[in-house]
Structure formats: C-alpha cells, structure tokens
C-alpha cells in the first residue's frame, strides 16, 4: 500500500490531510508529539484529534515522534522506504509571540525539523511529493508598506495598486521585519525550494493566509478566527491588538487548503511556491469578523482593545491565488468566511 506520511497529523491541516489521503486509498503514517499543548496549554492539545483519527481511519498509524530527532526521523523513513509517495509537512511552532519566548525551540522545530524531513525524503523516497505548509509571514512586514486607505471598518489597499486583487508571490521576502517565527519559517521555506531546485525533488511551499476550520484548536496566540468564535459563543473575553481592529485577514477552510494539496500531488512540479489563502473570496477585518461572529452566535462578544500591535503583524493581507488556479484550474473554494464561521460555531456548540 502507498503511504502518505503526515507531520502534525493531529493538527488542523494535518488531520484534514490524513483523512483526505486515507480516503484516496493511502495508508497514513501520522507524526505528532502534541507540542501544541506545550506551546499553548492543554486546551490547545491535539490529543483528542489523534484519538479520532485512530478510531476512524483503518489504515492510520500514529508515530509519537519529534521531528527534531534526526535519527528517529531517518529510521522511520528507512523502515517505509519508497512506499512513501507523499510527505505532507504541517508540523510547526506557529506563533509570533511564542517564538520570542523560546527562539531556539522555534527555530529547531520549524527549520531543523524541516531539514530532517527533506533529507530523509531525499535519502529514502526521493520520488515522493513533498508538500510544505509555509506561511505568509515569510514576507515579514513588507505588506505594511503598501498604500492603505482607512475605511469605516477596515484598512484597504488603494484600488489602483497591482496588489489590489491580492498579494502574489513576487513580493520580496528580504529587507523586512519577520518576527523570529517568520524567520524560522523563511529558513524552512527556502530549504524546501532548494531541495526541489538543487536535487530535482517534487517540492512545494504553500504560503498560507489564515488557515482555519472547525477542527482548529484556536488560542489567543494562534488561530484567531476559531478562537474569536469560541470566545463569542462561550462568553470568554477577547483582546484585539492594534490597528484599531481594522486589520484585514483572508481565511481559508482546511478542506479547501487540503484540496489544493491533493491537486498538487496529482500533478506535481519542482521547487514551486504558491500563496494560498482565502483571497478576495473569503476575507475581512477584525471588526467585520467580530460582527459576523456575533450575528452567527446570536450574542455579543466581550472584547477590549490593546493599542500595541504584535511585532511583525500585518495590517492588510489578502492572498492572490491566481498562480495556483492557473496551474490547477480544477481547484475551487467550497467555503467563504461566513461558511467557515458557521461550521466553527456548530463545533463549539456541540462541545
């Protein structure tokens, strides 16, 4: 049986990818040691998702392995060899704020861990497709230099600007403040590209916007849309950081993101890079997202404003996904922001 090896398999994208590839007939080997609980506390633990995968997927096997463990990663790949047809690498330390508290841990998870996986793939299954969930934070705060116009509920880009449809892959990742998290993801992103271009491997970096969905264990430090709805639905206080609450994000459902992974796997390319988020199809400001959460939940959010924005945070981000759509025209969105939030609300309400 062909194997899909999924790192971060109990997380939002990893679990969605595990189910998707399993449904396509793959045996799935999930690699996840629940570091999310260490990063953000027990409420962010991915253990319940792991248990659901093990119960529901007959051909799923879990490996409680730290991707920083070079020998352990290499041994795992050596055991499976060329049976591995695809590596879906979603494991990461995902927070700006947490990275600043432990830079070494952040870098070794995001950069060294990625290098371990790339090298193990090259050594043991070089024909496998390597799918990497990168981030729009590789662009640092360069998006904040765009000509933005303040509107009643949002910041918006000047309508005549080349990036008005969204930010594409031509934006520089150099000469900018990334945050330490952004820097570690840049290192991983460039490594994935280089293993493609230098060794001819089928690698891709998906630079995601806000990835979310009902399976997201959102916390204040990561997973804003899921956490926002959780706070709205349960009465938990919420804090908005900077930019008058008018900062804009695009939001992509985990189903739509993983469908893009599947499309690339079916027709892979070498050393490719795509911006992949909600685009103009699914985006909104913090104030607009709060209003939508309140409408769906039928109650007001208890929120306060904090003047200081987070370091490296974007004032306005909308992904231009036209490059990916041109390469994979069969890919379509299923969800917009309202649809995403309705599913998250249902998940919160059902416990």
Protein backbone atom coordinates (compact mmCIF):
# COMPACT_ATOMS: atom_id res chain seq x y z
CA UNK A 1 0.00 0.00 0.00
CA UNK A 2 1.23 3.50 -0.85
CA UNK A 3 1.95 5.64 2.21
CA UNK A 4 1.20 9.28 2.95
CA UNK A 5 3.42 10.49 5.79
CA UNK A 6 1.80 13.45 7.54
CA UNK A 7 3.62 15.53 10.14
CA UNK A 8 1.50 17.49 12.57
CA UNK A 9 -1.14 14.88 11.79
CA UNK A 10 -3.30 15.76 14.78
CA UNK A 11 -3.41 19.46 13.94
CA UNK A 12 -5.86 21.33 11.75
CA UNK A 13 -4.32 20.76 8.32
CA UNK A 14 -2.56 17.53 9.23
CA UNK A 15 -5.74 15.80 10.34
CA UNK A 16 -7.66 17.04 7.29
CA UNK A 17 -4.84 15.78 5.05
CA UNK A 18 -4.77 12.44 6.86
CA UNK A 19 -8.46 11.92 6.20
CA UNK A 20 -8.17 13.08 2.57
CA UNK A 21 -5.28 10.81 1.61
CA UNK A 22 -6.77 7.91 3.56
CA UNK A 23 -9.99 8.33 1.55
CA UNK A 24 -7.91 8.07 -1.62
CA UNK A 25 -6.61 4.65 -0.58
CA UNK A 26 -3.34 5.56 1.13
CA UNK A 27 -2.01 4.13 4.31
CA UNK A 28 -1.36 7.15 6.53
CA UNK A 29 1.51 7.43 8.98
CA UNK A 30 0.87 10.37 11.28
CA UNK A 31 3.76 12.03 13.08
CA UNK A 32 2.73 14.24 16.01
CA UNK A 33 4.00 14.57 19.58
CA UNK A 34 1.40 17.18 20.67
CA UNK A 35 3.86 20.04 21.14
CA UNK A 36 0.89 22.35 20.60
CA UNK A 37 -0.11 21.61 24.20
CA UNK A 38 3.33 22.75 25.32
CA UNK A 39 3.12 25.89 23.21
CA UNK A 40 -0.40 26.99 24.17
CA UNK A 41 -1.62 24.89 27.10
CA UNK A 42 -3.86 21.87 27.47
CA UNK A 43 -6.90 23.48 25.85
CA UNK A 44 -4.87 23.52 22.62
CA UNK A 45 -3.87 19.85 22.87
CA UNK A 46 -4.30 17.82 19.71
CA UNK A 47 -4.71 14.54 21.63
CA UNK A 48 -8.50 14.35 21.02
CA UNK A 49 -7.94 14.69 17.27
CA UNK A 50 -5.32 11.95 17.35
CA UNK A 51 -7.79 9.66 19.12
CA UNK A 52 -10.46 10.37 16.50
CA UNK A 53 -8.06 9.58 13.68
CA UNK A 54 -7.02 6.30 15.28
CA UNK A 55 -10.66 5.33 15.81
CA UNK A 56 -12.00 6.32 12.41
CA UNK A 57 -9.22 5.54 9.91
CA UNK A 58 -8.49 1.84 9.49
CA UNK A 59 -5.15 2.40 7.76
CA UNK A 60 -3.83 5.15 10.03
CA UNK A 61 -0.79 4.55 12.23
CA UNK A 62 0.49 7.14 14.70
CA UNK A 63 4.14 7.85 15.48
CA UNK A 64 4.75 9.92 18.63
CA UNK A 65 7.94 11.38 17.18
CA UNK A 66 9.62 14.79 17.46
CA UNK A 67 10.69 15.98 14.01
CA UNK A 68 13.83 17.47 15.60
CA UNK A 69 15.00 13.90 16.30
CA UNK A 70 17.21 13.34 13.23
CA UNK A 71 17.94 9.68 13.97
CA UNK A 72 14.30 8.92 14.73
CA UNK A 73 13.06 10.62 11.57
CA UNK A 74 15.65 8.85 9.42
CA UNK A 75 14.82 5.47 10.96
CA UNK A 76 11.11 5.97 10.32
CA UNK A 77 11.68 6.80 6.65
CA UNK A 78 14.16 3.93 6.29
CA UNK A 79 11.53 1.44 7.51
CA UNK A 80 9.00 2.60 4.92
CA UNK A 81 11.35 3.43 2.05
CA UNK A 82 9.84 4.01 -1.36
CA UNK A 83 6.35 3.09 -0.13
CA UNK A 84 6.13 6.76 0.90
CA UNK A 85 4.55 8.51 -2.07
CA UNK A 86 3.86 11.85 -0.39
CA UNK A 87 5.10 13.78 2.64
CA UNK A 88 2.63 16.34 3.98
CA UNK A 89 4.64 18.54 6.33
CA UNK A 90 2.38 20.62 8.57
CA UNK A 91 4.17 20.32 11.94
CA UNK A 92 5.36 23.69 13.24
CA UNK A 93 5.65 26.18 16.05
CA UNK A 94 3.11 28.66 14.64
CA UNK A 95 3.11 31.75 16.88
CA UNK A 96 4.96 35.10 16.68
CA UNK A 97 4.67 35.65 20.42
CA UNK A 98 5.71 32.16 21.50
CA UNK A 99 8.75 32.22 19.21
CA UNK A 100 10.13 35.25 21.03
CA UNK A 101 9.91 33.41 24.35
CA UNK A 102 11.93 30.41 23.11
CA UNK A 103 13.78 31.27 19.88
CA UNK A 104 15.87 28.11 19.90
CA UNK A 105 12.86 25.83 20.18
CA UNK A 106 11.02 27.77 17.50
CA UNK A 107 13.92 27.57 15.05
CA UNK A 108 14.78 23.94 15.64
CA UNK A 109 11.16 22.84 15.20
CA UNK A 110 10.47 24.94 12.13
CA UNK A 111 13.82 24.95 10.33
CA UNK A 112 15.83 21.97 11.60
CA UNK A 113 12.76 19.75 11.68
CA UNK A 114 12.02 20.60 8.06
CA UNK A 115 15.61 19.88 7.07
CA UNK A 116 15.43 16.49 8.79
CA UNK A 117 12.32 15.58 6.81
CA UNK A 118 13.70 16.81 3.50
CA UNK A 119 16.93 14.88 3.91
CA UNK A 120 15.11 11.71 4.98
CA UNK A 121 12.86 12.03 1.93
CA UNK A 122 15.87 12.51 -0.37
CA UNK A 123 17.67 9.51 1.12
CA UNK A 124 14.81 7.02 1.26
CA UNK A 125 11.96 8.08 -1.07
CA UNK A 126 13.28 10.76 -3.43
CA UNK A 127 10.34 10.42 -5.83
CA UNK A 128 7.83 11.30 -3.12
CA UNK A 129 5.99 14.61 -3.41
CA UNK A 130 6.91 16.96 -0.55
CA UNK A 131 4.05 19.30 0.43
CA UNK A 132 5.03 22.04 2.90
CA UNK A 133 2.67 24.38 4.72
CA UNK A 134 4.63 27.61 4.80
CA UNK A 135 3.12 30.97 5.78
CA UNK A 136 2.53 34.49 4.52
CA UNK A 137 4.76 35.61 7.40
CA UNK A 138 7.76 34.86 5.16
CA UNK A 139 7.03 38.29 3.66
CA UNK A 140 7.61 39.92 7.05
CA UNK A 141 6.03 43.34 7.48
CA UNK A 142 6.57 44.34 3.84
CA UNK A 143 2.78 44.26 3.25
CA UNK A 144 2.52 47.11 5.77
CA UNK A 145 4.32 49.40 3.32
CA UNK A 146 1.50 49.12 0.81
CA UNK A 147 -0.63 52.23 0.18
CA UNK A 148 -3.54 51.54 2.52
CA UNK A 149 -6.69 53.60 2.90
CA UNK A 150 -8.59 53.72 6.19
CA UNK A 151 -12.27 52.90 5.86
CA UNK A 152 -15.02 52.69 8.46
CA UNK A 153 -14.42 49.05 9.40
CA UNK A 154 -11.16 48.12 7.66
CA UNK A 155 -7.89 49.09 6.09
CA UNK A 156 -7.98 48.61 2.33
CA UNK A 157 -5.38 48.82 -0.40
CA UNK A 158 -5.51 51.57 -3.00
CA UNK A 159 -7.78 50.26 -5.76
CA UNK A 160 -5.27 51.05 -8.49
CA UNK A 161 -2.39 49.12 -6.93
CA UNK A 162 -1.04 45.97 -8.59
CA UNK A 163 -1.78 44.02 -5.40
CA UNK A 164 -5.43 45.11 -5.25
CA UNK A 165 -6.56 41.57 -6.25
CA UNK A 166 -4.27 40.22 -3.52
CA UNK A 167 -0.56 39.83 -2.79
CA UNK A 168 1.22 37.48 -5.17
CA UNK A 169 4.49 35.54 -4.98
CA UNK A 170 6.58 38.38 -6.47
CA UNK A 171 6.61 40.29 -3.16
CA UNK A 172 10.14 40.29 -1.72
CA UNK A 173 10.89 38.37 1.47
CA UNK A 174 14.07 40.44 2.03
CA UNK A 175 14.78 43.68 3.97
CA UNK A 176 11.82 43.34 6.32
CA UNK A 177 10.98 42.53 9.94
CA UNK A 178 9.74 38.95 10.03
CA UNK A 179 9.46 38.19 13.73
CA UNK A 180 11.51 35.23 14.91
CA UNK A 181 8.69 32.90 13.86
CA UNK A 182 8.72 34.40 10.38
CA UNK A 183 12.50 33.98 10.18
CA UNK A 184 12.37 30.29 11.09
CA UNK A 185 9.64 29.72 8.51
CA UNK A 186 11.67 31.58 5.87
CA UNK A 187 14.55 29.18 6.53
CA UNK A 188 12.26 26.19 6.12
CA UNK A 189 10.58 27.67 3.04
CA UNK A 190 13.89 28.29 1.27
CA UNK A 191 15.13 24.80 2.17
CA UNK A 192 12.03 23.23 0.63
CA UNK A 193 12.53 25.25 -2.54
CA UNK A 194 16.22 24.38 -2.69
CA UNK A 195 15.71 20.64 -2.29
CA UNK A 196 13.41 20.95 -5.28
CA UNK A 197 15.68 23.04 -7.45
CA UNK A 198 19.03 21.54 -6.42
CA UNK A 199 18.06 17.88 -6.16
CA UNK A 200 15.14 17.90 -8.60
CA UNK A 201 12.65 16.82 -5.94
CA UNK A 202 8.92 17.49 -6.28
CA UNK A 203 8.56 20.07 -3.54
CA UNK A 204 6.12 22.91 -2.96
CA UNK A 205 5.69 25.72 -0.42
CA UNK A 206 2.11 26.81 0.24
CA UNK A 207 2.34 30.24 1.86
CA UNK A 208 -0.92 30.20 3.75
CA UNK A 209 -3.07 33.06 4.94
CA UNK A 210 -5.25 32.31 7.97
CA UNK A 211 -5.89 28.56 7.86
CA UNK A 212 -8.89 27.62 9.92
CA UNK A 213 -11.92 25.40 10.31
CA UNK A 214 -13.98 23.54 12.93
CA UNK A 215 -11.05 21.28 13.76
CA UNK A 216 -8.84 24.20 14.81
CA UNK A 217 -7.76 24.22 18.46
CA UNK A 218 -7.61 28.04 18.44
CA UNK A 219 -5.97 30.00 21.24
CA UNK A 220 -5.18 33.68 21.80
CA UNK A 221 -1.67 33.23 20.42
CA UNK A 222 -2.67 31.27 17.33
CA UNK A 223 -5.81 30.54 15.33
CA UNK A 224 -7.59 33.87 15.60
CA UNK A 225 -10.84 33.08 13.77
CA UNK A 226 -11.53 29.84 15.66
CA UNK A 227 -10.62 31.50 18.96
CA UNK A 228 -12.76 34.53 18.12
CA UNK A 229 -15.83 32.39 17.58
CA UNK A 230 -15.05 30.32 20.67
CA UNK A 231 -14.94 33.48 22.78
CA UNK A 232 -18.11 34.86 21.21
CA UNK A 233 -20.08 31.66 21.70
CA UNK A 234 -18.90 30.97 25.26
CA UNK A 235 -18.68 34.49 26.70
CA UNK A 236 -14.94 34.39 27.14
CA UNK A 237 -13.23 37.83 26.97
CA UNK A 238 -11.26 38.62 23.81
CA UNK A 239 -8.47 41.13 23.12
CA UNK A 240 -7.92 42.95 19.83
CA UNK A 241 -4.30 44.00 19.28
CA UNK A 242 -3.64 47.24 17.41
CA UNK A 243 -4.59 48.82 14.08
CA UNK A 244 -7.96 49.95 15.54
CA UNK A 245 -9.29 46.47 14.90
CA UNK A 246 -9.35 47.24 11.18
CA UNK A 247 -6.58 44.81 10.20
CA UNK A 248 -7.63 42.57 7.32
CA UNK A 249 -7.03 38.83 7.01
CA UNK A 250 -8.07 36.28 4.44
CA UNK A 251 -9.40 32.99 5.74
CA UNK A 252 -9.23 29.57 4.09
CA UNK A 253 -11.03 26.47 5.34
CA UNK A 254 -8.84 23.44 5.99
CA UNK A 255 -10.89 21.46 3.44
CA UNK A 256 -10.09 23.95 0.67
CA UNK A 257 -6.42 24.09 1.64
CA UNK A 258 -6.05 20.30 1.67
CA UNK A 259 -7.87 20.02 -1.66
CA UNK A 260 -5.07 22.24 -3.06
CA UNK A 261 -2.50 19.82 -1.60
CA UNK A 262 -4.27 16.94 -3.30
CA UNK A 263 -4.40 18.73 -6.65
CA UNK A 264 -0.66 19.43 -6.49
CA UNK A 265 0.10 15.82 -5.53
CA UNK A 266 -1.72 14.59 -8.62
CA UNK A 267 0.37 16.79 -10.94
CA UNK A 268 3.49 17.82 -9.01
CA UNK A 269 6.07 20.40 -10.03
CA UNK A 270 9.65 21.06 -8.86
CA UNK A 271 10.51 23.70 -6.25
CA UNK A 272 7.19 25.51 -6.58
CA UNK A 273 5.80 28.33 -4.41
CA UNK A 274 2.18 29.47 -4.07
CA UNK A 275 0.35 32.00 -1.95
CA UNK A 276 -2.76 30.20 -0.75
CA UNK A 277 -5.42 31.84 1.39
CA UNK A 278 -9.00 32.95 1.23
CA UNK A 279 -8.17 35.69 -1.33
CA UNK A 280 -10.91 38.19 -2.16
CA UNK A 281 -13.30 35.24 -1.96
CA UNK A 282 -13.01 34.94 1.84
CA UNK A 283 -11.56 37.80 3.85
CA UNK A 284 -12.47 40.52 6.35
CA UNK A 285 -11.22 42.84 9.05
CA UNK A 286 -11.18 42.08 12.75
CA UNK A 287 -14.16 44.38 13.33
CA UNK A 288 -16.05 42.74 10.46
CA UNK A 289 -15.21 39.26 11.78
CA UNK A 290 -16.44 40.20 15.26
CA UNK A 291 -19.75 41.42 13.81
CA UNK A 292 -20.15 38.22 11.81
CA UNK A 293 -19.38 36.05 14.84
CA UNK A 294 -21.94 37.95 16.89
CA UNK A 295 -24.57 37.54 14.16
CA UNK A 296 -23.99 33.79 13.84
CA UNK A 297 -23.71 33.14 17.60
CA UNK A 298 -26.63 35.43 18.48
CA UNK A 299 -24.72 37.12 21.30
CA UNK A 300 -22.27 39.96 21.83
CA UNK A 301 -18.53 39.41 22.20
CA UNK A 302 -16.90 40.76 25.36
CA UNK A 303 -13.84 42.38 23.80
CA UNK A 304 -11.27 45.01 24.70
CA UNK A 305 -8.77 46.89 22.59
CA UNK A 306 -5.00 46.82 23.17
CA UNK A 307 -3.17 49.62 21.37
CA UNK A 308 0.09 47.76 20.74
CA UNK A 309 0.02 45.50 17.70
CA UNK A 310 2.01 42.30 17.63
CA UNK A 311 5.52 42.51 16.19
CA UNK A 312 5.58 41.59 12.50
CA UNK A 313 1.78 41.54 12.30
CA UNK A 314 0.13 42.53 9.03
CA UNK A 315 -2.23 45.47 8.70
CA UNK A 316 -3.67 44.05 5.47
CA UNK A 317 -3.26 40.63 3.94
CA UNK A 318 -5.23 39.17 1.07
CA UNK A 319 -3.66 36.33 -0.94
CA UNK A 320 -3.55 36.39 -4.71
CA UNK A 321 -4.17 32.73 -5.58
CA UNK A 322 -4.30 33.18 -9.35
CA UNK A 323 -0.95 31.48 -9.94
CA UNK A 324 -2.16 28.31 -8.25
CA UNK A 325 -5.51 28.50 -10.03
CA UNK A 326 -3.76 28.84 -13.38
CA UNK A 327 -1.70 25.70 -12.71
CA UNK A 328 -4.60 23.74 -11.20
CA UNK A 329 -7.86 25.01 -12.71
CA UNK A 330 -9.91 22.17 -11.21
CA UNK A 331 -9.39 23.62 -7.72
CA UNK A 332 -12.34 25.58 -6.32
CA UNK A 333 -13.31 27.12 -2.98
CA UNK A 334 -16.10 25.41 -1.08
CA UNK A 335 -16.21 27.86 1.84
CA UNK A 336 -16.29 31.61 2.40
CA UNK A 337 -15.76 33.30 5.78
CA UNK A 338 -19.43 33.02 6.77
CA UNK A 339 -19.48 29.32 5.94
CA UNK A 340 -16.26 28.78 7.90
CA UNK A 341 -17.61 30.57 10.98
CA UNK A 342 -20.92 28.71 10.84
CA UNK A 343 -19.05 25.39 10.97
CA UNK A 344 -16.80 26.60 13.80
CA UNK A 345 -19.88 27.77 15.76
CA UNK A 346 -21.53 24.38 15.30
CA UNK A 347 -18.37 22.68 16.56
CA UNK A 348 -18.21 24.94 19.64
CA UNK A 349 -21.92 24.49 20.37
CA UNK A 350 -21.66 20.71 20.16
CA UNK A 351 -18.77 20.68 22.61
